[in-house]
Structures are given as C-alpha cells and as structure tokens.
Amino acid sequence: MKYSTFEEVPVWKAAVEFALRVFALTEKADFRGLGDTKNQLERAALSISNNIAEGFERGTTVELIHFLYIAKGSAGESRSMLRICEPLPRFSDLKFEISDLISRATNISKQLHGWLESLKNTDITVFNDGSQIRSWCYVDDFRDAFISAMHMDSAIGQVFNIGNPQATTTVLGLAQTLIRLTGSKSKIVFKPHPGPEVEIRMPDIAQARALLKYEPGVGLEDGLNRAIAWYKETGFTG
C-alpha cells in the first residue's frame, strides 16, 4: 500500500504513541533526580517518529532507508534504556508500564525491519541526474560534537555547523555505494525533482574545529558499513 503522507504510515503512528507513553512515564515521581536518564530516554523515543517522518519527506529511497536505520537504532536505544530501568528497585511500581513500552519498542523495530526489507531491492529514486553533492555525518561524530558543546562555556551563544565535509559524494554516488556495499539488486531510477533543488550541501565546520576541537572520524563507507553490520546483527534476527 502506498502512503501519501507520513502521518498515514502505521509504524509512524505506533512510534508517536510510544513517545507519548514514554513522556507519561518519565513525568512520574520515580524519575525525579534522574535528569540525564529521563532526557535521553525522551530524546530516543522522540527520534523514532521524527526520523521516519524526515526520511519519508526526503522523497528518495536512499534517504528513506538512511533515516529508517536511524529510527530503528533509536527504537533499540529506547528499549535498552527501559531494560536497564526495569530491574531497578525505584521503578518497582512501574514494571507493567516499562514492560509494555519494551513490547511496543520491539514491535516498532520489527515493523521498521519489514519496511527496510521491502525497500532493499526496490528501485532507488534519484532526482535529476544525481550530480547533487551531499555530505554525510556518522551519528557518533555528531553526538560527540553535541556533547562537547553542552559542556563548554565557550560554546554558549555560538552557532556551529556539525557534519563531515570529508564524507562527501553525489546523490548518485551514494546510491551506487549503497548497492555495492549491500549487494542489492536495486535499480537506480532517475526522475525530475518536484521543486527547487540545492546543488551543493557541505558544512563549514571551522567554528566547531576551533572551539569544540571537533574532528569527524568516521568516513562515508566506514559509517555505511557500520550501519549495515548493525542492521544484519539486529534486524535480521527480529
């Protein structure tokens, strides 16, 4: 079945319901004094539906797959944190709620797995001729920069571009690399872009390098291989 908006997608609806229930859980008194844990769980839960939506809105199969991987990772992160909370004495009165959320996160992961599986050998849409240039940043590099900015007084009031200008390729090049690394039988289909297109998106990270000492360490193929390996280890056993 084809969906015209992300709001129609069942797994997006399930992810929104999951996030709402997580926020209801973390509002309880049992989470008082656990600011970092509470915030991280809420961010992970919110990331699932947000990345499904962003991938859907991007309009290409390559980018949809990329963001569905992130959404699936966030579902796993949420489940991991809930597993840690589950046996702790302070959460003994919330065992039912936590168990229900774990089940919901597991179900979301399985739905995302099925969606990714169905996309794996489908045609990959590339707009125009695919010569648009994009830079890709691995999530660990982005996380490290974000944490550095949070803990440095000199970062207050500053604006940073976070990315990896070394992990740069054309949209067509990314599609070809994904096919090669995954062994997919997908075909690349070229279509005219439905609206204005930005030809080059490459971050200037000079400010982040100077103040945060930020230096991305994961290249494009390394990051893709890590994501593919993670998916094979988790997605195919779900």
Protein backbone atom coordinates (compact mmCIF):
# COMPACT_ATOMS: atom_id res chain seq x y z
CA MET A 1 0.00 0.00 0.00
CA LYS A 2 1.28 3.46 -0.92
CA TYR A 3 1.01 6.30 1.56
CA SER A 4 0.78 9.94 0.52
CA THR A 5 1.87 11.38 3.90
CA PHE A 6 3.96 10.05 6.76
CA GLU A 7 1.01 10.58 9.11
CA GLU A 8 -0.72 7.68 7.35
CA VAL A 9 2.13 5.21 7.95
CA PRO A 10 1.23 2.68 10.69
CA VAL A 11 4.73 2.49 12.17
CA TRP A 12 4.88 6.30 12.46
CA LYS A 13 1.58 6.21 14.37
CA ALA A 14 2.96 3.46 16.62
CA ALA A 15 6.13 5.50 17.22
CA VAL A 16 4.13 8.60 18.18
CA GLU A 17 2.03 6.57 20.64
CA PHE A 18 5.24 5.08 22.05
CA ALA A 19 6.78 8.55 22.55
CA LEU A 20 3.65 9.85 24.28
CA ARG A 21 3.67 6.88 26.66
CA VAL A 22 7.39 7.38 27.36
CA PHE A 23 6.76 11.04 28.24
CA ALA A 24 3.91 9.98 30.52
CA LEU A 25 6.24 7.50 32.22
CA THR A 26 9.09 9.97 32.74
CA GLU A 27 6.72 12.53 34.28
CA LYS A 28 6.23 10.23 37.25
CA ALA A 29 7.96 10.96 40.55
CA ASP A 30 10.15 7.87 40.20
CA PHE A 31 12.23 9.73 37.59
CA ARG A 32 12.96 12.72 39.82
CA GLY A 33 16.68 13.29 40.18
CA LEU A 34 17.44 11.32 37.00
CA GLY A 35 17.58 14.25 34.62
CA ASP A 36 20.12 12.80 32.19
CA THR A 37 18.43 9.40 32.04
CA LYS A 38 14.99 10.98 31.67
CA ASN A 39 16.12 13.34 28.90
CA GLN A 40 18.00 10.66 26.99
CA LEU A 41 15.04 8.27 27.06
CA GLU A 42 12.69 11.03 25.89
CA ARG A 43 15.06 12.05 23.07
CA ALA A 44 15.47 8.45 21.91
CA ALA A 45 11.71 7.88 21.92
CA LEU A 46 11.03 11.11 20.02
CA SER A 47 13.75 10.34 17.49
CA ILE A 48 11.86 7.30 16.16
CA SER A 49 8.83 9.09 14.72
CA ASN A 50 10.88 12.15 13.72
CA ASN A 51 13.30 10.13 11.61
CA ILE A 52 10.50 8.14 9.98
CA ALA A 53 8.88 11.45 9.04
CA GLU A 54 12.10 13.03 7.78
CA GLY A 55 13.02 10.01 5.68
CA PHE A 56 9.54 9.92 4.16
CA GLU A 57 9.56 13.63 3.35
CA ARG A 58 13.01 13.49 1.71
CA GLY A 59 11.35 11.78 -1.25
CA THR A 60 14.08 9.33 -2.30
CA THR A 61 14.52 5.66 -1.42
CA VAL A 62 18.18 6.17 -0.50
CA GLU A 63 17.38 8.81 2.10
CA LEU A 64 14.29 6.95 3.36
CA ILE A 65 16.43 3.88 4.06
CA HIS A 66 19.05 6.05 5.79
CA PHE A 67 16.54 7.63 8.17
CA LEU A 68 14.69 4.35 8.81
CA TYR A 69 18.02 2.91 10.01
CA ILE A 70 18.33 5.82 12.44
CA ALA A 71 14.73 5.33 13.60
CA LYS A 72 15.38 1.64 14.20
CA GLY A 73 18.53 2.48 16.14
CA SER A 74 16.55 4.88 18.32
CA ALA A 75 13.97 2.16 18.99
CA GLY A 76 16.81 -0.09 20.12
CA GLU A 77 18.28 2.65 22.30
CA SER A 78 14.88 3.22 23.93
CA ARG A 79 14.46 -0.48 24.57
CA SER A 80 17.95 -0.76 26.05
CA MET A 81 17.31 2.08 28.50
CA LEU A 82 13.97 0.61 29.51
CA ARG A 83 15.66 -2.76 30.10
CA ILE A 84 18.10 -1.03 32.45
CA CYS A 85 15.26 0.69 34.33
CA GLU A 86 13.15 -2.46 34.56
CA PRO A 87 15.00 -4.29 37.40
CA LEU A 88 15.83 -1.20 39.48
CA PRO A 89 14.03 -1.06 42.85
CA ARG A 90 13.00 2.58 42.40
CA PHE A 91 10.89 1.53 39.40
CA SER A 92 9.23 -1.47 41.05
CA ASP A 93 5.79 0.18 40.83
CA LEU A 94 6.25 0.85 37.11
CA LYS A 95 7.08 -2.67 35.96
CA PHE A 96 3.89 -3.05 33.94
CA GLU A 97 4.35 0.28 32.13
CA ILE A 98 8.00 -0.42 31.40
CA SER A 99 7.24 -3.94 30.15
CA ASP A 100 4.52 -2.57 27.88
CA LEU A 101 6.90 0.04 26.45
CA ILE A 102 9.55 -2.61 25.80
CA SER A 103 6.98 -4.64 23.87
CA ARG A 104 5.95 -1.57 21.88
CA ALA A 105 9.57 -0.70 21.05
CA THR A 106 10.19 -4.28 19.93
CA ASN A 107 7.13 -4.20 17.70
CA ILE A 108 8.24 -0.89 16.16
CA SER A 109 11.68 -2.39 15.41
CA LYS A 110 10.03 -5.35 13.68
CA GLN A 111 7.84 -3.07 11.60
CA LEU A 112 10.84 -0.99 10.57
CA HIS A 113 12.74 -4.18 9.76
CA GLY A 114 9.94 -5.29 7.45
CA TRP A 115 9.81 -1.90 5.76
CA LEU A 116 13.57 -1.85 5.24
CA GLU A 117 13.48 -5.40 3.89
CA SER A 118 10.83 -4.43 1.35
CA LEU A 119 12.90 -1.41 0.26
CA LYS A 120 16.15 -3.31 -0.07
CA ASN A 121 15.73 -4.45 -3.66
CA THR A 122 13.25 -1.85 -4.83
CA ASP A 123 14.16 0.82 -7.33
CA ILE A 124 16.20 3.67 -5.87
CA THR A 125 14.87 7.07 -6.92
CA VAL A 126 17.47 9.71 -7.75
CA PHE A 127 16.23 13.17 -8.66
CA ASN A 128 17.54 14.84 -11.82
CA ASP A 129 20.90 13.36 -12.84
CA GLY A 130 22.12 12.67 -9.28
CA SER A 131 25.02 15.10 -9.51
CA GLN A 132 23.85 16.99 -6.40
CA ILE A 133 26.62 16.97 -3.79
CA ARG A 134 25.89 15.99 -0.19
CA SER A 135 27.97 15.46 2.95
CA TRP A 136 27.09 12.71 5.41
CA CYS A 137 27.95 12.67 9.10
CA TYR A 138 28.00 9.50 11.17
CA VAL A 139 25.84 9.72 14.27
CA ASP A 140 28.72 9.08 16.71
CA ASP A 141 30.61 12.09 15.37
CA PHE A 142 27.52 14.28 15.64
CA ARG A 143 26.88 13.04 19.17
CA ASP A 144 30.44 13.83 20.30
CA ALA A 145 30.17 17.37 18.95
CA PHE A 146 26.79 17.89 20.59
CA ILE A 147 28.07 16.72 23.97
CA SER A 148 31.17 18.91 23.69
CA ALA A 149 29.01 21.96 23.00
CA MET A 150 26.83 21.17 26.03
CA HIS A 151 29.81 21.07 28.39
CA MET A 152 31.88 24.02 27.16
CA ASP A 153 31.18 27.51 28.47
CA SER A 154 32.85 28.99 25.40
CA ALA A 155 30.12 27.40 23.25
CA ILE A 156 27.35 29.42 24.88
CA GLY A 157 25.75 31.74 22.34
CA GLN A 158 27.79 30.32 19.46
CA VAL A 159 26.49 28.73 16.27
CA PHE A 160 28.09 25.55 14.91
CA ASN A 161 27.78 23.56 11.72
CA ILE A 162 28.28 19.90 12.57
CA GLY A 163 28.96 17.46 9.78
CA ASN A 164 31.74 15.74 7.87
CA PRO A 165 32.90 17.57 4.74
CA GLN A 166 35.25 14.65 4.02
CA ALA A 167 32.29 12.22 3.73
CA THR A 168 31.04 13.92 0.59
CA THR A 169 29.62 12.35 -2.55
CA THR A 170 26.96 12.92 -5.15
CA VAL A 171 23.45 11.57 -4.58
CA LEU A 172 24.07 9.14 -7.44
CA GLY A 173 27.39 8.14 -5.89
CA LEU A 174 25.68 7.41 -2.57
CA ALA A 175 23.07 5.22 -4.30
CA GLN A 176 25.79 3.30 -6.15
CA THR A 177 27.81 2.86 -2.96
CA LEU A 178 24.80 1.51 -1.05
CA ILE A 179 24.09 -1.01 -3.81
CA ARG A 180 27.72 -2.14 -3.85
CA LEU A 181 28.09 -2.46 -0.07
CA THR A 182 24.79 -4.28 0.47
CA GLY A 183 24.89 -6.47 -2.62
CA SER A 184 21.42 -5.16 -3.50
CA LYS A 185 19.82 -5.84 -6.87
CA SER A 186 18.06 -2.45 -6.82
CA LYS A 187 17.98 -0.38 -9.97
CA ILE A 188 18.55 3.36 -9.97
CA VAL A 189 15.66 5.30 -11.48
CA PHE A 190 16.10 8.96 -12.44
CA LYS A 191 13.19 11.35 -12.01
CA PRO A 192 12.85 15.14 -12.31
CA HIS A 193 12.95 16.92 -8.98
CA PRO A 194 9.46 18.16 -7.99
CA GLY A 195 10.72 21.54 -6.81
CA PRO A 196 13.81 23.74 -6.35
CA GLU A 197 16.97 21.77 -5.66
CA VAL A 198 20.12 22.70 -3.75
CA GLU A 199 23.10 21.52 -5.77
CA ILE A 200 25.72 21.51 -3.00
CA ARG A 201 25.30 20.92 0.73
CA MET A 202 28.63 20.78 2.50
CA PRO A 203 29.10 22.02 6.09
CA ASP A 204 31.74 24.55 7.08
CA ILE A 205 32.95 23.12 10.40
CA ALA A 206 35.70 25.69 11.05
CA GLN A 207 33.90 27.10 14.10
CA ALA A 208 33.38 23.63 15.58
CA ARG A 209 37.01 22.74 14.97
CA ALA A 210 38.24 25.93 16.63
CA LEU A 211 36.03 25.98 19.73
CA LEU A 212 34.92 22.37 20.22
CA LYS A 213 38.08 20.72 18.86
CA TYR A 214 35.66 18.74 16.74
CA GLU A 215 37.07 16.45 14.09
CA PRO A 216 34.82 13.84 12.45
CA GLY A 217 36.46 10.44 12.49
CA VAL A 218 34.08 8.17 10.57
CA GLY A 219 34.21 8.26 6.79
CA LEU A 220 31.30 7.62 4.47
CA GLU A 221 31.92 3.96 3.63
CA ASP A 222 33.02 3.19 7.18
CA GLY A 223 29.78 4.67 8.51
CA LEU A 224 27.66 2.85 5.95
CA ASN A 225 29.40 -0.45 6.71
CA ARG A 226 28.82 0.03 10.44
CA ALA A 227 25.13 0.70 9.82
CA ILE A 228 24.79 -2.29 7.50
CA ALA A 229 26.57 -4.57 10.01
CA TRP A 230 24.36 -3.35 12.85
CA TYR A 231 21.25 -3.99 10.78
CA LYS A 232 22.37 -7.51 9.90
CA GLU A 233 23.10 -8.26 13.56
CA THR A 234 19.81 -6.90 14.88
CA GLY A 235 17.27 -6.51 12.13
CA PHE A 236 17.53 -9.97 10.61
CA THR A 237 17.07 -11.70 13.96
CA GLY A 238 13.97 -9.71 14.94
